[in-house]
C-alpha atoms as a PDB file:
ATOM      1  CA  MET A   1      34.940 -43.958  36.355  1.00  0.00           C
ATOM      2  CA  LYS A   2      35.118 -40.462  34.864  1.00  0.00           C
ATOM      3  CA  LYS A   3      32.960 -41.612  31.945  1.00  0.00           C
ATOM      4  CA  LEU A   4      30.358 -43.016  34.301  1.00  0.00           C
ATOM      5  CA  ILE A   5      30.144 -39.759  36.246  1.00  0.00           C
ATOM      6  CA  ALA A   6      29.878 -37.783  32.979  1.00  0.00           C
ATOM      7  CA  VAL A   7      27.038 -40.023  31.776  1.00  0.00           C
ATOM      8  CA  LEU A   8      25.197 -39.678  35.085  1.00  0.00           C
ATOM      9  CA  ILE A   9      25.533 -35.879  35.077  1.00  0.00           C
ATOM     10  CA  ALA A  10      24.361 -35.700  31.455  1.00  0.00           C
ATOM     11  CA  GLY A  11      21.386 -37.881  32.335  1.00  0.00           C
ATOM     12  CA  LEU A  12      20.555 -35.625  35.277  1.00  0.00           C
ATOM     13  CA  PHE A  13      20.509 -32.558  33.054  1.00  0.00           C
ATOM     14  CA  ALA A  14      18.415 -34.326  30.418  1.00  0.00           C
ATOM     15  CA  THR A  15      15.769 -35.457  32.919  1.00  0.00           C
ATOM     16  CA  SER A  16      15.617 -32.030  34.555  1.00  0.00           C
ATOM     17  CA  ALA A  17      14.925 -30.433  31.162  1.00  0.00           C
ATOM     18  CA  PHE A  18      12.006 -32.795  30.517  1.00  0.00           C
ATOM     19  CA  ALA A  19      10.660 -32.386  34.040  1.00  0.00           C
ATOM     20  CA  GLN A  20      10.049 -28.669  33.507  1.00  0.00           C
ATOM     21  CA  ALA A  21       6.798 -29.023  31.616  1.00  0.00           C
ATOM     22  CA  THR A  22       4.405 -26.087  31.497  1.00  0.00           C
ATOM     23  CA  ALA A  23       1.633 -25.967  34.015  1.00  0.00           C
ATOM     24  CA  PRO A  24      -1.772 -27.068  32.765  1.00  0.00           C
ATOM     25  CA  SER A  25      -3.931 -24.194  31.552  1.00  0.00           C
ATOM     26  CA  THR A  26      -6.830 -23.082  33.676  1.00  0.00           C
ATOM     27  CA  PRO A  27     -10.275 -22.440  32.208  1.00  0.00           C
ATOM     28  CA  ALA A  28      -9.733 -18.696  32.585  1.00  0.00           C
ATOM     29  CA  VAL A  29      -6.541 -18.885  30.545  1.00  0.00           C
ATOM     30  CA  LEU A  30      -8.241 -20.975  27.877  1.00  0.00           C
ATOM     31  CA  LYS A  31     -11.109 -18.470  27.659  1.00  0.00           C
ATOM     32  CA  ALA A  32      -8.639 -15.610  27.386  1.00  0.00           C
ATOM     33  CA  GLU A  33      -6.731 -17.428  24.621  1.00  0.00           C
ATOM     34  CA  ILE A  34      -9.929 -18.127  22.694  1.00  0.00           C
ATOM     35  CA  LYS A  35     -11.060 -14.522  23.068  1.00  0.00           C
ATOM     36  CA  ALA A  36      -7.649 -13.279  21.924  1.00  0.00           C
ATOM     37  CA  ASP A  37      -7.664 -15.610  18.917  1.00  0.00           C
ATOM     38  CA  LYS A  38     -11.136 -14.415  17.896  1.00  0.00           C
ATOM     39  CA  ALA A  39     -10.044 -10.796  18.208  1.00  0.00           C
ATOM     40  CA  ASP A  40      -6.926 -11.542  16.144  1.00  0.00           C
ATOM     41  CA  VAL A  41      -8.982 -13.137  13.379  1.00  0.00           C
ATOM     42  CA  LYS A  42     -11.438 -10.238  13.379  1.00  0.00           C
ATOM     43  CA  ALA A  43      -8.603  -7.701  13.214  1.00  0.00           C
ATOM     44  CA  GLU A  44      -6.868  -9.586  10.388  1.00  0.00           C
ATOM     45  CA  LYS A  45     -10.143  -9.698   8.463  1.00  0.00           C
ATOM     46  CA  ALA A  46     -10.630  -5.954   8.930  1.00  0.00           C
ATOM     47  CA  GLU A  47      -7.059  -5.338   7.770  1.00  0.00           C
ATOM     48  CA  ALA A  48      -7.603  -7.443   4.661  1.00  0.00           C
ATOM     49  CA  LYS A  49     -10.732  -5.457   3.867  1.00  0.00           C
ATOM     50  CA  VAL A  50      -8.901  -2.138   4.292  1.00  0.00           C
ATOM     51  CA  ASN A  51      -6.057  -3.388   2.080  1.00  0.00           C
ATOM     52  CA  ALA A  52      -8.474  -4.509  -0.622  1.00  0.00           C
ATOM     53  CA  GLU A  53     -10.306  -1.182  -0.584  1.00  0.00           C
ATOM     54  CA  ALA A  54      -7.038   0.749  -0.664  1.00  0.00           C
ATOM     55  CA  ASN A  55      -5.755  -1.301  -3.608  1.00  0.00           C
ATOM     56  CA  ALA A  56      -9.033  -0.744  -5.460  1.00  0.00           C
ATOM     57  CA  ASP A  57      -8.802   3.002  -4.848  1.00  0.00           C
ATOM     58  CA  VAL A  58      -5.242   3.056  -6.163  1.00  0.00           C
ATOM     59  CA  GLN A  59      -6.208   1.142  -9.294  1.00  0.00           C
ATOM     60  CA  LYS A  60      -9.159   3.452  -9.901  1.00  0.00           C
ATOM     61  CA  ALA A  61      -6.942   6.510  -9.486  1.00  0.00           C
ATOM     62  CA  GLU A  62      -4.323   5.112 -11.862  1.00  0.00           C
ATOM     63  CA  VAL A  63      -6.956   4.385 -14.518  1.00  0.00           C
ATOM     64  CA  LYS A  64      -8.416   7.867 -14.123  1.00  0.00           C
ATOM     65  CA  ALA A  65      -4.947   9.424 -14.374  1.00  0.00           C
ATOM     66  CA  ALA A  66      -4.200   7.451 -17.531  1.00  0.00           C
ATOM     67  CA  LYS A  67      -7.477   8.626 -19.090  1.00  0.00           C
ATOM     68  CA  GLU A  68      -6.747  12.244 -18.187  1.00  0.00           C
ATOM     69  CA  LYS A  69      -3.236  11.969 -19.619  1.00  0.00           C
ATOM     70  CA  SER A  70      -4.395  10.459 -22.895  1.00  0.00           C
ATOM     71  CA  LYS A  71      -7.178  13.036 -23.178  1.00  0.00           C
ATOM     72  CA  ALA A  72      -4.711  15.898 -22.647  1.00  0.00           C
ATOM     73  CA  ASN A  73      -2.227  14.452 -25.138  1.00  0.00           C
ATOM     74  CA  ALA A  74      -4.983  13.914 -27.712  1.00  0.00           C
ATOM     75  CA  LYS A  75      -6.191  17.479 -27.272  1.00  0.00           C
ATOM     76  CA  ALA A  76      -2.632  18.765 -27.736  1.00  0.00           C
ATOM     77  CA  ALA A  77      -2.155  16.630 -30.844  1.00  0.00           C
ATOM     78  CA  LYS A  78      -5.417  17.960 -32.282  1.00  0.00           C
ATOM     79  CA  ALA A  79      -4.361  21.580 -31.699  1.00  0.00           C
ATOM     80  CA  LYS A  80      -0.945  20.910 -33.239  1.00  0.00           C
ATOM     81  CA  SER A  81      -2.398  19.245 -36.329  1.00  0.00           C
ATOM     82  CA  LYS A  82      -4.884  22.071 -36.807  1.00  0.00           C
ATOM     83  CA  ALA A  83      -2.067  24.637 -36.577  1.00  0.00           C
ATOM     84  CA  HIS A  84       0.044  22.594 -39.000  1.00  0.00           C
ATOM     85  CA  ALA A  85      -2.855  22.377 -41.443  1.00  0.00           C
ATOM     86  CA  ASN A  86      -3.270  26.156 -41.299  1.00  0.00           C
ATOM     87  CA  THR A  87       0.440  26.556 -42.006  1.00  0.00           C
ATOM     88  CA  ALA A  88       0.233  24.189 -44.965  1.00  0.00           C
ATOM     89  CA  LYS A  89      -2.722  26.124 -46.420  1.00  0.00           C
ATOM     90  CA  ALA A  90      -1.091  29.533 -46.002  1.00  0.00           C
ATOM     91  CA  ASP A  91       0.103  31.629 -48.922  1.00  0.00           C
ATOM     92  CA  ALA A  92       3.805  32.006 -49.575  1.00  0.00           C
ATOM     93  CA  GLU A  93       3.845  35.554 -48.206  1.00  0.00           C
ATOM     94  CA  ASP A  94       2.020  34.558 -44.983  1.00  0.00           C
ATOM     95  CA  LYS A  95       4.116  31.404 -44.513  1.00  0.00           C
ATOM     96  CA  LEU A  96       6.495  32.848 -41.910  1.00  0.00           C
ATOM     97  CA  LYS A  97       3.666  34.366 -39.923  1.00  0.00           C
ATOM     98  CA  THR A  98       1.679  31.126 -39.846  1.00  0.00           C
ATOM     99  CA  GLU A  99       4.789  29.075 -38.990  1.00  0.00           C
ATOM    100  CA  ALA A 100       5.442  31.355 -36.035  1.00  0.00           C
ATOM    101  CA  LYS A 101       1.823  30.995 -35.001  1.00  0.00           C
ATOM    102  CA  GLU A 102       2.091  27.207 -35.380  1.00  0.00           C
ATOM    103  CA  ASP A 103       5.160  27.162 -33.140  1.00  0.00           C
ATOM    104  CA  LYS A 104       3.334  29.240 -30.560  1.00  0.00           C
ATOM    105  CA  VAL A 105       0.256  26.986 -30.648  1.00  0.00           C
ATOM    106  CA  THR A 106       2.450  23.877 -30.433  1.00  0.00           C
ATOM    107  CA  ALA A 107       4.341  25.203 -27.416  1.00  0.00           C
ATOM    108  CA  LYS A 108       1.119  26.223 -25.687  1.00  0.00           C
ATOM    109  CA  ALA A 109      -0.534  22.849 -26.387  1.00  0.00           C
ATOM    110  CA  ASP A 110       2.521  20.941 -25.124  1.00  0.00           C
ATOM    111  CA  ALA A 111       2.650  23.049 -21.977  1.00  0.00           C
ATOM    112  CA  LYS A 112      -1.045  22.511 -21.305  1.00  0.00           C
ATOM    113  CA  ALA A 113      -0.733  18.765 -21.869  1.00  0.00           C
ATOM    114  CA  ASP A 114       2.327  18.548 -19.610  1.00  0.00           C
ATOM    115  CA  LYS A 115       0.484  20.438 -16.892  1.00  0.00           C
ATOM    116  CA  ALA A 116      -2.499  18.076 -17.157  1.00  0.00           C
ATOM    117  CA  VAL A 117      -0.190  15.039 -16.995  1.00  0.00           C
ATOM    118  CA  VAL A 118       1.555  16.372 -13.887  1.00  0.00           C
ATOM    119  CA  ASN A 119      -1.770  17.126 -12.196  1.00  0.00           C
ATOM    120  CA  ALA A 120      -3.126  13.659 -13.013  1.00  0.00           C
ATOM    121  CA  ASP A 121       0.032  12.024 -11.635  1.00  0.00           C
ATOM    122  CA  ALA A 122      -0.168  14.174  -8.501  1.00  0.00           C
ATOM    123  CA  LYS A 123      -3.762  13.116  -7.877  1.00  0.00           C
ATOM    124  CA  ALA A 124      -2.875   9.458  -8.349  1.00  0.00           C
ATOM    125  CA  ASP A 125       0.145   9.789  -6.051  1.00  0.00           C
ATOM    126  CA  LYS A 126      -2.036  11.397  -3.379  1.00  0.00           C
ATOM    127  CA  VAL A 127      -4.436   8.455  -3.548  1.00  0.00           C
ATOM    128  CA  LYS A 128      -1.486   6.041  -3.271  1.00  0.00           C
ATOM    129  CA  ILE A 129      -0.168   7.858  -0.203  1.00  0.00           C
ATOM    130  CA  ASP A 130      -3.601   7.826   1.439  1.00  0.00           C
ATOM    131  CA  ALA A 131      -3.980   4.123   0.643  1.00  0.00           C
ATOM    132  CA  ASN A 132      -0.591   3.316   2.158  1.00  0.00           C
ATOM    133  CA  ALA A 133      -1.498   5.319   5.263  1.00  0.00           C
ATOM    134  CA  ASP A 134      -4.738   3.346   5.570  1.00  0.00           C
ATOM    135  CA  LYS A 135      -2.822   0.080   5.240  1.00  0.00           C
ATOM    136  CA  VAL A 136      -0.299   1.090   7.895  1.00  0.00           C
ATOM    137  CA  ASN A 137      -3.059   2.175  10.256  1.00  0.00           C
ATOM    138  CA  ALA A 138      -4.849  -1.145   9.774  1.00  0.00           C
ATOM    139  CA  ARG A 139      -1.620  -3.061  10.445  1.00  0.00           C
ATOM    140  CA  THR A 140      -1.058  -0.995  13.586  1.00  0.00           C
ATOM    141  CA  GLU A 141      -4.550  -1.834  14.819  1.00  0.00           C
ATOM    142  CA  VAL A 142      -3.909  -5.548  14.239  1.00  0.00           C
ATOM    143  CA  THR A 143      -0.659  -5.347  16.182  1.00  0.00           C
ATOM    144  CA  ALA A 144      -2.428  -3.569  19.034  1.00  0.00           C
ATOM    145  CA  VAL A 145      -5.194  -6.188  19.144  1.00  0.00           C
ATOM    146  CA  LYS A 146      -2.638  -9.004  19.240  1.00  0.00           C
ATOM    147  CA  ALA A 147      -0.718  -7.296  22.037  1.00  0.00           C
ATOM    148  CA  GLU A 148      -3.945  -6.795  23.989  1.00  0.00           C
ATOM    149  CA  GLY A 149      -4.781 -10.472  23.587  1.00  0.00           C
ATOM    150  CA  LYS A 150      -1.365 -11.546  24.839  1.00  0.00           C
ATOM    151  CA  ALA A 151      -1.700  -9.223  27.830  1.00  0.00           C
ATOM    152  CA  GLU A 152      -5.135 -10.649  28.673  1.00  0.00           C
ATOM    153  CA  VAL A 153      -3.830 -14.205  28.481  1.00  0.00           C
ATOM    154  CA  LYS A 154      -0.913 -13.267  30.744  1.00  0.00           C
ATOM    155  CA  ALA A 155      -3.290 -11.614  33.212  1.00  0.00           C
ATOM    156  CA  ALA A 156      -5.538 -14.677  33.238  1.00  0.00           C
ATOM    157  CA  ALA A 157      -2.546 -16.940  33.834  1.00  0.00           C
ATOM    158  CA  ALA A 158      -1.417 -14.743  36.732  1.00  0.00           C
ATOM    159  CA  LYS A 159      -4.747 -15.153  38.552  1.00  0.00           C
END
């Protein structure tokens, strides 16, 4: 008897769960859902475009920074080799003077190259930060559009 009552109660709960189907959508709700879906797609497309542009800007900045770095390092190497050649050509009595001058030129060239490398990296990092900000802003706009769409669908369902 207890088993029979348990089966009947379980059956009652099972049928009550299936009986709670959602109400059929009204035309206003369907229109709101379609409008929200279109807005979502448009926002996602805009976000993808912003992301692509931001990634392209970052790549361009990285390439430019690499060129500036290699140019600065090449210029430093040229100055160092010229100073070394002058030291090699120098007479025995002027050797110490030219070696000191070579050291000075080398230090100055290294410092200038390091400064150029830091500046190039800073420019590239600034572009990366701006690109990330653009991406975040685009994502925020997409989230806002989706939330608006959900609110409109809810409002249409409430009517």
